[in-house]
N, C-alpha and C. Protein backbone atom coordinates (compact mmCIF):
# COMPACT_ATOMS: atom_id res chain seq x y z
N MET A 1 -1.64 -6.25 3.95
CA MET A 1 -0.68 -4.88 4.08
C MET A 1 0.79 -5.47 3.91
N THR A 2 1.20 -6.39 4.88
CA THR A 2 2.36 -6.88 4.86
C THR A 2 3.09 -7.31 3.47
N GLU A 3 2.03 -7.84 2.71
CA GLU A 3 2.56 -8.50 1.33
C GLU A 3 2.85 -7.39 0.46
N CYS A 4 1.98 -6.10 0.78
CA CYS A 4 2.40 -5.09 0.00
C CYS A 4 3.74 -4.42 0.15
N GLN A 5 3.88 -4.44 1.53
CA GLN A 5 5.32 -3.71 2.06
C GLN A 5 6.40 -4.48 1.52
N ALA A 6 6.22 -5.96 1.49
CA ALA A 6 7.19 -6.82 1.33
C ALA A 6 7.41 -6.67 -0.39
N ASP A 7 6.57 -6.68 -1.00
CA ASP A 7 6.45 -6.62 -2.37
C ASP A 7 7.16 -5.25 -2.95
N ALA A 8 6.67 -4.10 -2.25
CA ALA A 8 7.46 -2.73 -2.44
C ALA A 8 9.00 -2.81 -1.95
N ASP A 9 9.42 -3.42 -1.01
CA ASP A 9 10.80 -3.45 -0.58
C ASP A 9 11.43 -4.52 -1.60
N LYS A 10 10.67 -5.45 -2.22
CA LYS A 10 11.54 -6.41 -2.95
C LYS A 10 11.66 -5.77 -4.38
N PHE A 11 10.62 -5.10 -5.11
CA PHE A 11 10.71 -4.67 -6.32
C PHE A 11 11.56 -3.29 -6.51
N THR A 12 11.49 -2.60 -5.33
CA THR A 12 12.32 -1.08 -5.49
C THR A 12 13.60 -1.33 -5.09
N ALA A 13 13.97 -2.52 -4.78
CA ALA A 13 15.59 -2.39 -4.03
C ALA A 13 16.54 -1.83 -4.99
N LYS A 14 16.30 -2.44 -6.41
CA LYS A 14 17.37 -2.28 -7.37
C LYS A 14 16.90 -0.90 -8.15
N ASP A 15 15.94 -0.15 -7.68
CA ASP A 15 15.63 1.01 -8.53
C ASP A 15 14.86 2.01 -7.35
N GLN A 16 15.78 2.19 -6.46
CA GLN A 16 15.26 3.37 -5.75
C GLN A 16 14.49 4.54 -5.84
N ASN A 17 15.15 5.17 -7.19
CA ASN A 17 14.76 6.56 -7.98
C ASN A 17 13.33 6.00 -8.61
N LEU A 18 12.71 4.75 -8.59
CA LEU A 18 11.74 4.51 -9.50
C LEU A 18 11.89 4.92 -10.75
N ALA A 19 12.82 4.85 -11.34
CA ALA A 19 13.02 5.36 -12.75
C ALA A 19 12.56 4.60 -13.88
N ARG A 20 12.61 3.31 -13.53
CA ARG A 20 12.11 2.12 -14.72
C ARG A 20 10.80 1.96 -14.85
N LYS A 21 10.21 1.51 -15.99
CA LYS A 21 8.82 1.45 -16.14
C LYS A 21 7.96 0.32 -15.52
N ASP A 22 8.86 -0.72 -15.46
CA ASP A 22 8.43 -1.93 -14.82
C ASP A 22 8.34 -1.51 -13.22
N THR A 23 9.11 -1.16 -12.70
CA THR A 23 9.13 -0.81 -11.11
C THR A 23 7.58 0.14 -10.81
N ILE A 24 7.56 1.06 -11.73
CA ILE A 24 6.55 1.98 -11.81
C ILE A 24 5.21 0.97 -11.75
N GLU A 25 5.06 0.19 -12.79
CA GLU A 25 4.06 -0.69 -12.84
C GLU A 25 3.78 -1.49 -11.54
N VAL A 26 4.97 -1.92 -11.08
CA VAL A 26 4.60 -2.81 -9.76
C VAL A 26 4.19 -1.87 -8.63
N CYS A 27 4.79 -0.66 -8.52
CA CYS A 27 4.41 0.34 -7.67
C CYS A 27 2.56 0.73 -7.81
N MET A 28 2.41 0.93 -9.10
CA MET A 28 0.77 1.18 -9.37
C MET A 28 0.12 -0.16 -8.88
N ASP A 29 0.31 -1.12 -8.90
CA ASP A 29 -0.07 -2.50 -8.66
C ASP A 29 -0.27 -2.52 -7.09
N ILE A 30 0.80 -2.02 -6.59
CA ILE A 30 0.67 -2.22 -4.89
C ILE A 30 -0.17 -1.09 -4.32
N LEU A 31 0.01 0.22 -5.21
CA LEU A 31 -0.85 1.25 -4.67
C LEU A 31 -2.54 0.61 -4.88
N ASN A 32 -2.83 -0.14 -6.07
CA ASN A 32 -4.18 -0.29 -6.15
C ASN A 32 -4.60 -1.42 -5.27
N ARG A 33 -3.64 -2.39 -4.77
CA ARG A 33 -3.95 -3.23 -3.66
C ARG A 33 -4.27 -2.61 -2.26
N ILE A 34 -3.53 -1.66 -2.07
CA ILE A 34 -3.58 -0.54 -0.71
C ILE A 34 -4.98 -0.01 -0.93
N LYS A 35 -5.34 0.46 -2.07
CA LYS A 35 -6.48 1.36 -2.00
C LYS A 35 -7.75 0.17 -1.97
N ASP A 36 -7.70 -1.02 -2.36
CA ASP A 36 -8.50 -2.06 -2.33
C ASP A 36 -8.81 -2.31 -0.71
N VAL A 37 -7.78 -2.47 -0.16
CA VAL A 37 -7.76 -2.73 1.30
C VAL A 37 -8.51 -1.57 2.11
N GLY A 38 -8.26 -0.16 1.64
CA GLY A 38 -8.79 0.85 2.33
C GLY A 38 -10.32 0.60 2.11
N THR A 39 -10.64 0.25 0.91
CA THR A 39 -12.11 0.34 0.41
C THR A 39 -12.76 -0.81 1.27
N GLU A 40 -12.18 -1.93 1.60
CA GLU A 40 -12.66 -2.87 2.31
C GLU A 40 -12.97 -2.55 3.91
N VAL A 41 -12.10 -2.01 4.42
CA VAL A 41 -11.98 -1.31 5.51
C VAL A 41 -13.32 -0.25 5.80
N ASN A 42 -13.30 0.56 4.78
CA ASN A 42 -14.22 1.58 4.94
C ASN A 42 -15.71 1.21 4.72
N SER A 43 -15.87 0.08 4.31
CA SER A 43 -17.07 -0.62 4.23
C SER A 43 -17.59 -1.39 5.32
N GLN A 44 -16.75 -1.45 6.27
CA GLN A 44 -17.17 -2.25 7.61
C GLN A 44 -17.87 -0.95 8.44
N THR A 45 -18.21 -1.85 9.67
CA THR A 45 -18.98 -0.89 10.77
C THR A 45 -17.88 0.04 11.53
N GLU A 46 -18.62 0.94 11.90
CA GLU A 46 -17.69 1.97 12.57
C GLU A 46 -16.87 1.40 13.74
N GLN A 47 -17.32 0.46 14.39
CA GLN A 47 -16.51 -0.18 15.59
C GLN A 47 -15.41 -1.09 14.70
N THR A 48 -15.91 -1.70 13.68
CA THR A 48 -14.81 -2.51 13.05
C THR A 48 -13.50 -1.59 12.52
N ARG A 49 -14.04 -0.45 11.82
CA ARG A 49 -13.05 0.29 11.45
C ARG A 49 -12.17 0.94 12.71
N GLU A 50 -12.76 1.28 13.62
CA GLU A 50 -11.87 1.78 14.68
C GLU A 50 -10.78 0.66 15.18
N ARG A 51 -10.99 -0.58 15.21
CA ARG A 51 -10.34 -1.64 15.79
C ARG A 51 -9.19 -2.06 14.51
N LEU A 52 -9.51 -1.40 13.20
CA LEU A 52 -8.47 -1.59 12.18
C LEU A 52 -7.76 -0.51 12.11
N TYR A 53 -7.75 0.53 12.79
CA TYR A 53 -7.38 1.83 12.55
C TYR A 53 -5.57 1.65 12.11
N TYR A 54 -4.95 0.83 12.66
CA TYR A 54 -3.52 0.65 12.09
C TYR A 54 -3.58 0.38 10.78
N LEU A 55 -4.45 -0.28 9.97
CA LEU A 55 -4.43 -0.67 8.65
C LEU A 55 -4.50 0.61 7.91
N THR A 56 -5.47 1.75 8.26
CA THR A 56 -5.60 2.97 7.77
C THR A 56 -4.17 3.80 7.85
N TYR A 57 -3.52 3.71 8.89
CA TYR A 57 -2.50 4.54 9.34
C TYR A 57 -1.34 3.83 8.46
N ASN A 58 -1.14 2.46 8.35
CA ASN A 58 0.08 1.92 7.71
C ASN A 58 -0.15 2.14 6.09
N ALA A 59 -1.45 2.18 5.88
CA ALA A 59 -1.67 2.23 4.32
C ALA A 59 -1.36 3.74 3.89
N THR A 60 -1.68 4.45 4.64
CA THR A 60 -1.39 5.91 4.42
C THR A 60 0.20 6.39 4.26
N ILE A 61 1.04 5.87 5.46
CA ILE A 61 2.35 5.75 5.20
C ILE A 61 3.09 5.19 3.97
N MET A 62 2.58 4.06 3.50
CA MET A 62 3.01 3.26 2.47
C MET A 62 2.65 3.74 1.27
N THR A 63 1.57 4.56 1.21
CA THR A 63 1.12 5.21 0.06
C THR A 63 1.87 6.63 -0.32
N PHE A 64 2.26 7.22 0.77
CA PHE A 64 3.22 8.29 0.76
C PHE A 64 4.55 8.03 0.47
N LYS A 65 5.22 6.98 0.86
CA LYS A 65 6.39 6.41 0.49
C LYS A 65 6.59 6.16 -0.88
N LEU A 66 5.69 5.31 -1.56
CA LEU A 66 5.61 5.03 -2.76
C LEU A 66 5.39 6.32 -3.75
N CYS A 67 4.78 7.24 -3.23
CA CYS A 67 4.46 8.51 -4.11
C CYS A 67 5.60 9.37 -3.93
């Protein structure tokens, strides 16, 4: 997740309005990576998911921010 946040900050710094096609493509890649993390977390046991709640929380925030 940290890498996703760093990439989002890096690649949207010069295009805050997300107007350029290449910026949107990077954002879509980041969103797909976030989705993959969520899928992995959801495939874990209930105990493990509870311990990793912060990943779901951070993924939700990052998704809303990019959308």
